[in-house]
Amino acid sequence: MRIQVRRSGGFAGIARRGEVDTSGRPDASEWESLAEAALAAGRDGPPAGVPDGFHYRITVGDRTVDCADPRLTQEQRTLISRVLGEGA
């Protein structure tokens, strides 16, 4: 499973992207469960954010959702942090 995260916005407006492919990873089921939970809480369109806040687009396979600070679920926050940290 390919998990992609794109972050935009923020004070400086610097975009950031990350991608993780779970195929063959020993922790693949953990990543996939986290990704499913993050998708379930997302929106299909641009969410309401705050000025200078970050906006995120999470893509897992052929499904894409949008979310924004400060209204991230714990699962979204964890997935975003892990993908941007490992998949940068």
Protein backbone atom coordinates (compact mmCIF):
# COMPACT_ATOMS: atom_id res chain seq x y z
CA MET A 1 0.00 0.00 0.00
CA ARG A 2 1.34 3.41 -0.93
CA ILE A 3 0.62 6.22 1.54
CA GLN A 4 1.28 9.80 0.47
CA VAL A 5 1.00 13.02 2.47
CA ARG A 6 1.23 16.54 1.12
CA ARG A 7 1.40 19.48 3.52
CA SER A 8 0.77 23.04 2.38
CA GLY A 9 0.13 26.39 4.01
CA GLY A 10 1.71 27.53 7.22
CA PHE A 11 3.31 30.87 7.92
CA ALA A 12 6.09 30.45 5.34
CA GLY A 13 3.90 28.63 2.80
CA ILE A 14 6.50 25.92 2.19
CA ALA A 15 5.00 22.70 0.81
CA ARG A 16 6.28 19.34 1.98
CA ARG A 17 5.62 15.82 0.70
CA GLY A 18 6.29 12.33 1.92
CA GLU A 19 5.51 8.81 0.77
CA VAL A 20 5.75 5.38 2.36
CA ASP A 21 5.20 2.06 0.62
CA THR A 22 4.15 -0.57 3.15
CA SER A 23 4.79 -3.53 0.83
CA GLY A 24 7.14 -5.99 2.49
CA ARG A 25 7.41 -4.04 5.73
CA PRO A 26 7.11 -6.02 8.96
CA ASP A 27 4.87 -3.25 10.37
CA ALA A 28 2.64 -3.01 7.26
CA SER A 29 -0.56 -3.92 9.10
CA GLU A 30 0.03 -1.15 11.65
CA TRP A 31 0.56 1.42 8.87
CA GLU A 32 -2.51 0.21 6.98
CA SER A 33 -4.78 0.35 10.05
CA LEU A 34 -3.57 3.85 10.83
CA ALA A 35 -4.11 4.94 7.22
CA GLU A 36 -7.66 3.57 7.17
CA ALA A 37 -8.52 5.40 10.39
CA ALA A 38 -7.05 8.64 9.04
CA LEU A 39 -9.04 8.34 5.81
CA ALA A 40 -12.28 7.62 7.64
CA ALA A 41 -12.10 10.97 9.45
CA GLY A 42 -11.07 13.03 6.39
CA ARG A 43 -13.07 15.14 3.98
CA ASP A 44 -13.41 14.98 0.21
CA GLY A 45 -12.96 18.73 -0.15
CA PRO A 46 -10.96 21.53 1.38
CA PRO A 47 -11.53 21.67 5.15
CA ALA A 48 -11.90 24.79 7.21
CA GLY A 49 -8.54 25.69 8.65
CA VAL A 50 -7.04 28.64 10.48
CA PRO A 51 -4.91 31.48 9.13
CA ASP A 52 -1.33 30.31 8.62
CA GLY A 53 -2.33 26.75 9.54
CA PHE A 54 -1.26 23.65 7.70
CA HIS A 55 -3.51 21.83 5.23
CA TYR A 56 -2.90 18.17 4.45
CA ARG A 57 -3.85 15.85 1.62
CA ILE A 58 -3.62 12.17 2.49
CA THR A 59 -3.68 9.68 -0.38
CA VAL A 60 -3.83 5.94 0.18
CA GLY A 61 -4.07 3.95 -3.03
CA ASP A 62 -6.84 5.61 -5.02
CA ARG A 63 -8.51 7.35 -2.04
CA THR A 64 -7.71 10.94 -1.12
CA VAL A 65 -8.94 13.07 1.77
CA ASP A 66 -8.13 16.56 2.98
CA CYS A 67 -7.71 17.76 6.55
CA ALA A 68 -6.27 20.79 8.35
CA ASP A 69 -4.87 21.98 11.64
CA PRO A 70 -6.18 22.31 14.29
CA ARG A 71 -8.94 19.82 13.46
CA LEU A 72 -6.81 16.71 12.93
CA THR A 73 -7.75 13.46 14.60
CA GLN A 74 -5.06 11.67 16.59
CA GLU A 75 -4.81 9.07 13.80
CA GLN A 76 -4.35 11.76 11.14
CA ARG A 77 -1.72 13.56 13.22
CA THR A 78 0.20 10.32 13.84
CA LEU A 79 0.06 9.21 10.20
CA ILE A 80 1.11 12.63 8.89
CA SER A 81 4.02 12.81 11.32
CA ARG A 82 5.24 9.31 10.48
CA VAL A 83 4.95 9.69 6.70
CA LEU A 84 6.61 13.10 6.63
CA GLY A 85 9.32 11.81 8.96
CA GLU A 86 10.08 8.51 7.20
CA GLY A 87 9.01 9.18 3.67
CA ALA A 88 10.60 12.55 3.11
